[in-house]
Amino acid sequence: MRILCTGAGGFIGSWLVKRLKADGHYVMGADLKRPEFEPASPADFFHLRDLREFANCMMVTQQIDTVYNLAADMGGIGFITSHLADVARNNALINLNMLEACRQNNVKRYLFTSSACVYPLGRQMVTDGMPLKETDAWPADPEDGYGWEKLFSEQMCAYYRKDHGLNVRIVRLHNVYGPLGTFTGGREKSPAAICRKVAQAKDGDAIEVWGDGKQTRTYLYIHDCIEGLVRIMQSGYQRPLNLGTAELVTVDDLVNLVAGIAAKRLKIVHDESKPQGVRGRSSDNLRLRRTVAWEPSIRLIDGLKETYAWIAAQVARDQNPAPVR
């Protein structure tokens, strides 16, 4: 198949391109940037294009059978809560342009990566709340900016399916982490930020955690994420599906897991003035299991071992750069 992966220069997109190439497909990548932590993308062709421009979306979708639309302006809680307008505008432009370009170029299948941020805030007010079902997204009250845009784009996918027959897939991702992801600079997610802080700390140091540390999350390792995306694309299901895990932990638990992997005794200092997001969020995977007869299975401790090892190596390299010759 001829497949386009947008966001191919990003964390999830770069891993997805490798998987699709391993499966024997002709893969084209598109993004504003090439993969940050790899010398080159394995894509057969890589478009350096701004998908906020409709002409670029029309160009990259020509003679394409399948589109994985992962392109997005996004980051961790600190970034998305401080760039509400830019994030919503940039992502809405990308997603509207991609839908229309896929329609005009007769793309056979289109997958949109949405987010657990679409779920109503009122259902995430306690740390031990019920896992979120796909039907819980309505009545709508998503997170500001990023969440509203994702829910709007989900609806646009549904409208293109109804009005134009576009064969869509909608995947609500829950906190993806793993090697080759952003771990510094402000756009990193909590697992990467904590791995970086632990790697930089000495035994006995204190590290800062945003919020009171009791907020709960589930985390999806990158290999499970990629497997899920491929399986969902191969399915015939055209309504939203969660892609996450049910292994609920507090942020303090996450710190302690990483510190244990690093064999460091660390103190936690909480900064409750910083954004901490919702109190509790986890993924209900019943619909996913029924649809693709599969669900994520990689334990958090196992994924963190791989992630910490990679981030610790990057931190060590940055602290001790190779001499210039």
Protein backbone atom coordinates (compact mmCIF):
# COMPACT_ATOMS: atom_id res chain seq x y z
CA MET A 1 0.00 0.00 0.00
CA ARG A 2 0.99 3.63 -0.49
CA ILE A 3 0.74 5.20 2.94
CA LEU A 4 1.21 8.79 4.12
CA CYS A 5 2.14 9.47 7.75
CA THR A 6 1.85 13.12 8.75
CA GLY A 7 3.79 14.20 11.81
CA ALA A 8 6.49 11.77 10.64
CA GLY A 9 9.19 13.94 12.18
CA GLY A 10 7.63 13.61 15.60
CA PHE A 11 7.81 11.00 18.33
CA ILE A 12 4.89 8.72 17.43
CA GLY A 13 5.13 9.39 13.71
CA SER A 14 8.78 8.38 13.45
CA TRP A 15 8.07 5.06 15.19
CA LEU A 16 5.00 4.47 12.99
CA VAL A 17 6.98 5.00 9.79
CA LYS A 18 9.47 2.33 10.89
CA ARG A 19 6.66 -0.13 11.61
CA LEU A 20 4.90 0.48 8.30
CA LYS A 21 8.16 0.07 6.38
CA ALA A 22 8.84 -3.19 8.24
CA ASP A 23 5.37 -4.36 7.17
CA GLY A 24 6.39 -3.85 3.53
CA HIS A 25 4.49 -0.69 2.61
CA TYR A 26 5.58 2.27 0.51
CA VAL A 27 5.60 5.07 3.09
CA MET A 28 5.73 8.81 2.64
CA GLY A 29 6.33 11.12 5.58
CA ALA A 30 5.28 14.74 5.97
CA ASP A 31 6.18 17.23 8.68
CA LEU A 32 7.70 20.63 9.39
CA LYS A 33 10.82 18.87 10.64
CA ARG A 34 12.70 15.61 10.30
CA PRO A 35 13.04 13.19 13.26
CA GLU A 36 14.97 14.91 16.02
CA PHE A 37 16.87 11.93 17.45
CA GLU A 38 17.56 9.86 14.33
CA PRO A 39 19.91 10.58 11.43
CA ALA A 40 17.16 10.12 8.83
CA SER A 41 13.60 8.94 8.45
CA PRO A 42 13.20 5.47 6.90
CA ALA A 43 10.31 6.80 4.81
CA ASP A 44 10.59 6.24 1.07
CA PHE A 45 10.08 9.97 0.64
CA PHE A 46 9.86 12.74 3.23
CA HIS A 47 7.96 15.99 2.56
CA LEU A 48 9.16 18.97 4.57
CA ARG A 49 5.86 20.83 4.35
CA ASP A 50 3.62 23.05 6.49
CA LEU A 51 0.26 21.27 6.53
CA ARG A 52 -1.51 24.42 7.69
CA GLU A 53 -1.38 25.28 3.97
CA PHE A 54 -4.06 23.51 1.92
CA ALA A 55 -1.91 23.29 -1.23
CA ASN A 56 0.67 21.27 0.71
CA CYS A 57 -1.99 18.85 1.95
CA MET A 58 -3.23 18.36 -1.61
CA MET A 59 0.29 17.63 -2.79
CA VAL A 60 1.24 15.10 -0.11
CA THR A 61 -2.02 13.11 -0.46
CA GLN A 62 -1.79 12.55 -4.23
CA GLN A 63 -1.80 8.85 -5.22
CA ILE A 64 -2.04 7.81 -1.55
CA ASP A 65 -4.18 4.88 -0.39
CA THR A 66 -4.05 5.40 3.39
CA VAL A 67 -3.34 8.37 5.64
CA TYR A 68 -2.30 8.32 9.28
CA ASN A 69 -2.79 11.95 10.31
CA LEU A 70 -0.59 12.40 13.38
CA ALA A 71 0.57 15.97 12.67
CA ALA A 72 -0.16 18.29 15.59
CA ASP A 73 1.12 21.28 17.50
CA MET A 74 1.23 19.87 21.02
CA GLY A 75 3.24 19.23 24.16
CA GLY A 76 2.91 18.65 27.88
CA ILE A 77 0.42 20.30 30.22
CA GLY A 78 2.57 23.40 30.68
CA PHE A 79 2.78 24.01 26.94
CA ILE A 80 -0.81 23.37 25.89
CA THR A 81 -2.27 25.45 28.74
CA SER A 82 -0.10 28.45 27.87
CA HIS A 83 -0.65 28.35 24.08
CA LEU A 84 -4.42 27.87 23.81
CA ALA A 85 -5.06 29.93 20.68
CA ASP A 86 -1.98 28.88 18.73
CA VAL A 87 -2.44 25.17 19.45
CA ALA A 88 -6.15 25.19 18.59
CA ARG A 89 -5.68 27.24 15.42
CA ASN A 90 -2.68 25.33 14.09
CA ASN A 91 -4.24 21.93 14.68
CA ALA A 92 -7.63 22.90 13.30
CA LEU A 93 -5.99 24.14 10.08
CA ILE A 94 -3.99 20.92 9.70
CA ASN A 95 -6.96 18.65 10.31
CA LEU A 96 -9.46 20.54 8.15
CA ASN A 97 -6.97 20.72 5.29
CA MET A 98 -6.10 17.05 5.53
CA LEU A 99 -9.73 15.92 5.52
CA GLU A 100 -10.58 17.96 2.44
CA ALA A 101 -7.40 16.95 0.62
CA CYS A 102 -8.11 13.28 1.34
CA ARG A 103 -11.62 13.69 0.00
CA GLN A 104 -10.49 15.40 -3.19
CA ASN A 105 -7.65 12.90 -3.76
CA ASN A 106 -9.86 9.86 -3.07
CA VAL A 107 -7.84 8.50 -0.14
CA LYS A 108 -9.28 5.11 0.83
CA ARG A 109 -8.64 5.21 4.60
CA TYR A 110 -7.94 8.08 6.97
CA LEU A 111 -6.89 7.80 10.64
CA PHE A 112 -7.05 10.79 12.96
CA THR A 113 -5.18 10.77 16.27
CA SER A 114 -7.36 12.47 18.84
CA SER A 115 -6.71 12.68 22.57
CA ALA A 116 -8.08 11.81 25.99
CA CYS A 117 -8.19 15.59 26.46
CA VAL A 118 -11.61 15.50 24.76
CA TYR A 119 -13.25 14.04 27.86
CA PRO A 120 -15.34 16.31 30.12
CA LEU A 121 -13.45 17.85 33.00
CA GLY A 122 -16.31 17.01 35.36
CA ARG A 123 -15.64 13.29 34.89
CA GLN A 124 -11.99 13.71 35.93
CA MET A 125 -12.29 15.50 39.26
CA VAL A 126 -11.22 12.61 41.52
CA THR A 127 -8.06 10.50 41.49
CA ASP A 128 -9.86 7.15 41.55
CA GLY A 129 -12.65 7.89 39.07
CA MET A 130 -14.16 5.37 36.70
CA PRO A 131 -12.22 4.69 33.47
CA LEU A 132 -13.42 6.91 30.64
CA LYS A 133 -15.65 5.31 28.00
CA GLU A 134 -15.84 6.67 24.48
CA THR A 135 -19.47 7.69 25.03
CA ASP A 136 -18.44 9.84 28.02
CA ALA A 137 -17.19 12.60 25.69
CA TRP A 138 -20.73 14.00 25.46
CA PRO A 139 -22.16 16.32 26.78
CA ALA A 140 -18.97 18.14 25.87
CA ASP A 141 -16.67 19.95 28.30
CA PRO A 142 -13.13 19.12 27.09
CA GLU A 143 -9.88 20.73 28.13
CA ASP A 144 -9.41 24.28 26.87
CA GLY A 145 -7.67 24.79 23.55
CA TYR A 146 -6.18 21.42 22.63
CA GLY A 147 -9.14 19.39 23.90
CA TRP A 148 -11.79 21.50 22.17
CA GLU A 149 -9.89 21.36 18.88
CA LYS A 150 -9.52 17.58 19.07
CA LEU A 151 -13.23 17.10 19.75
CA PHE A 152 -14.12 19.47 16.90
CA SER A 153 -11.82 17.55 14.54
CA GLU A 154 -13.42 14.26 15.61
CA GLN A 155 -16.78 15.69 14.60
CA MET A 156 -15.38 16.83 11.26
CA CYS A 157 -14.20 13.27 10.64
CA ALA A 158 -17.74 12.06 11.35
CA TYR A 159 -19.20 14.67 9.00
CA TYR A 160 -16.80 13.70 6.19
CA ARG A 161 -17.77 10.07 6.73
CA LYS A 162 -21.48 10.89 6.59
CA ASP A 163 -21.46 13.47 3.77
CA HIS A 164 -18.61 12.22 1.57
CA GLY A 165 -18.13 8.56 2.46
CA LEU A 166 -14.58 9.05 3.74
CA ASN A 167 -13.48 5.86 5.51
CA VAL A 168 -12.26 7.27 8.84
CA ARG A 169 -10.66 5.99 12.04
CA ILE A 170 -10.61 8.09 15.24
CA VAL A 171 -8.15 7.16 18.01
CA ARG A 172 -8.11 8.81 21.43
CA LEU A 173 -4.54 8.47 22.69
CA HIS A 174 -3.77 8.38 26.41
CA ASN A 175 -0.32 9.70 27.47
CA VAL A 176 2.13 8.03 25.10
CA TYR A 177 5.77 7.73 26.23
CA GLY A 178 8.98 5.96 25.23
CA PRO A 179 12.45 6.40 23.72
CA LEU A 180 13.00 9.04 21.02
CA GLY A 181 10.40 11.34 22.57
CA THR A 182 10.94 14.99 23.50
CA PHE A 183 12.36 15.13 27.03
CA THR A 184 13.29 18.80 27.48
CA GLY A 185 12.39 22.27 26.22
CA GLY A 186 8.84 22.60 27.56
CA ARG A 187 6.92 20.28 25.23
CA GLU A 188 7.78 17.04 27.03
CA LYS A 189 5.13 14.90 28.75
CA SER A 190 5.33 13.88 32.41
CA PRO A 191 7.14 10.50 31.99
CA ALA A 192 9.89 12.12 29.91
CA ALA A 193 10.18 15.12 32.23
CA ILE A 194 10.46 12.89 35.30
CA CYS A 195 13.02 10.61 33.62
CA ARG A 196 15.10 13.68 32.76
CA LYS A 197 14.90 15.10 36.28
CA VAL A 198 15.86 11.76 37.84
CA ALA A 199 18.76 11.35 35.39
CA GLN A 200 20.05 14.82 36.25
CA ALA A 201 19.71 14.35 40.03
CA LYS A 202 22.30 12.92 42.38
CA ASP A 203 21.42 10.32 44.99
CA GLY A 204 19.70 12.13 47.87
CA ASP A 205 18.67 15.18 45.82
CA ALA A 206 15.16 16.63 45.65
CA ILE A 207 13.23 16.93 42.40
CA GLU A 208 10.24 19.13 41.64
CA VAL A 209 6.83 17.69 40.73
CA TRP A 210 4.01 19.87 39.42
CA GLY A 211 0.86 19.69 41.52
CA ASP A 212 0.42 17.72 44.72
CA GLY A 213 1.64 14.46 43.14
CA LYS A 214 -1.64 12.68 43.86
CA GLN A 215 -3.14 13.24 40.42
CA THR A 216 -3.51 9.92 38.59
CA ARG A 217 -2.85 8.86 35.00
CA THR A 218 -2.39 5.84 32.79
CA TYR A 219 0.57 5.73 30.41
CA LEU A 220 0.84 4.01 27.02
CA TYR A 221 4.22 2.72 25.86
CA ILE A 222 5.14 3.62 22.29
CA HIS A 223 5.27 0.02 21.00
CA ASP A 224 1.72 -0.64 22.22
CA CYS A 225 0.66 2.67 20.69
CA ILE A 226 2.01 1.74 17.26
CA GLU A 227 0.51 -1.75 17.41
CA GLY A 228 -2.85 -0.25 18.32
CA LEU A 229 -2.79 2.33 15.53
CA VAL A 230 -2.06 -0.35 12.92
CA ARG A 231 -4.75 -2.69 14.24
CA ILE A 232 -7.36 0.06 14.39
CA MET A 233 -6.55 1.16 10.85
CA GLN A 234 -7.01 -2.43 9.67
CA SER A 235 -10.38 -2.70 11.42
CA GLY A 236 -13.63 -1.52 9.92
CA TYR A 237 -14.56 0.62 12.94
CA GLN A 238 -15.20 4.30 12.15
CA ARG A 239 -16.14 5.78 15.53
CA PRO A 240 -13.84 6.95 18.34
CA LEU A 241 -11.72 4.35 20.15
CA ASN A 242 -9.61 4.75 23.27
CA LEU A 243 -6.01 3.62 22.99
CA GLY A 244 -4.53 3.52 26.47
CA THR A 245 -3.92 1.29 29.46
CA ALA A 246 -5.77 0.60 32.71
CA GLU A 247 -2.65 0.70 34.93
CA LEU A 248 -3.47 3.75 37.04
CA VAL A 249 -0.67 5.45 39.03
CA THR A 250 -0.16 8.76 40.79
CA VAL A 251 2.50 11.13 39.57
CA ASP A 252 4.40 10.52 42.81
CA ASP A 253 4.23 6.78 42.06
CA LEU A 254 5.70 7.52 38.65
CA VAL A 255 8.61 9.37 40.26
CA ASN A 256 9.25 6.52 42.66
CA LEU A 257 9.23 3.96 39.84
CA VAL A 258 11.80 5.94 37.85
CA ALA A 259 13.94 6.58 40.93
CA GLY A 260 13.91 2.85 41.65
CA ILE A 261 15.03 2.08 38.10
CA ALA A 262 17.86 4.60 38.51
CA ALA A 263 18.74 3.20 41.97
CA LYS A 264 18.51 6.70 43.49
CA ARG A 265 16.89 7.86 46.72
CA LEU A 266 15.18 11.13 45.88
CA LYS A 267 12.92 13.57 47.72
CA ILE A 268 9.88 15.05 46.01
CA VAL A 269 9.11 18.77 46.25
CA HIS A 270 5.61 19.68 45.04
CA ASP A 271 4.89 22.95 43.26
CA GLU A 272 1.11 23.35 43.34
CA SER A 273 1.30 26.69 41.53
CA LYS A 274 2.18 24.88 38.28
CA PRO A 275 -0.41 23.30 35.93
CA GLN A 276 -1.25 19.74 36.92
CA GLY A 277 -4.18 18.94 34.64
CA VAL A 278 -7.17 16.86 35.67
CA ARG A 279 -7.20 14.95 38.96
CA GLY A 280 -7.65 11.49 37.48
CA ARG A 281 -7.80 9.94 34.01
CA SER A 282 -7.75 6.35 32.82
CA SER A 283 -8.80 4.48 29.69
CA ASP A 284 -11.75 2.11 29.38
CA ASN A 285 -10.65 -0.42 26.74
CA LEU A 286 -13.81 -2.53 26.44
CA ARG A 287 -14.69 -1.14 23.01
CA LEU A 288 -11.07 -1.54 21.84
CA ARG A 289 -11.01 -5.22 22.90
CA ARG A 290 -14.31 -5.90 21.16
CA THR A 291 -13.18 -4.14 17.99
CA VAL A 292 -9.66 -5.49 17.43
CA ALA A 293 -9.46 -8.39 19.92
CA TRP A 294 -6.40 -6.79 21.51
CA GLU A 295 -5.38 -4.18 24.08
CA PRO A 296 -2.07 -2.71 25.30
CA SER A 297 -0.13 -5.10 27.52
CA ILE A 298 3.32 -3.56 28.19
CA ARG A 299 3.65 -2.85 31.91
CA LEU A 300 4.56 0.66 32.98
CA ILE A 301 7.71 -0.52 34.81
CA ASP A 302 8.97 -2.25 31.67
CA GLY A 303 8.32 0.71 29.42
CA LEU A 304 9.92 3.08 31.92
CA LYS A 305 13.10 1.00 32.05
CA GLU A 306 13.58 1.46 28.30
CA THR A 307 12.57 5.11 28.39
CA TYR A 308 14.79 6.00 31.34
CA ALA A 309 17.80 4.23 29.84
CA TRP A 310 17.44 6.24 26.62
CA ILE A 311 16.83 9.60 28.32
CA ALA A 312 19.65 9.04 30.83
CA ALA A 313 22.01 8.41 27.91
CA GLN A 314 20.89 11.67 26.26
CA VAL A 315 21.37 13.61 29.50
CA ALA A 316 24.85 12.14 29.95
CA ARG A 317 25.77 13.03 26.38
CA ASP A 318 24.51 16.60 26.81
CA GLN A 319 26.43 16.98 30.07
CA ASN A 320 29.61 15.50 28.56
CA PRO A 321 29.64 16.38 24.86
CA ALA A 322 32.21 14.77 22.63
CA PRO A 323 35.28 16.98 22.04
CA VAL A 324 35.37 18.92 18.78
CA ARG A 325 38.18 17.78 16.52
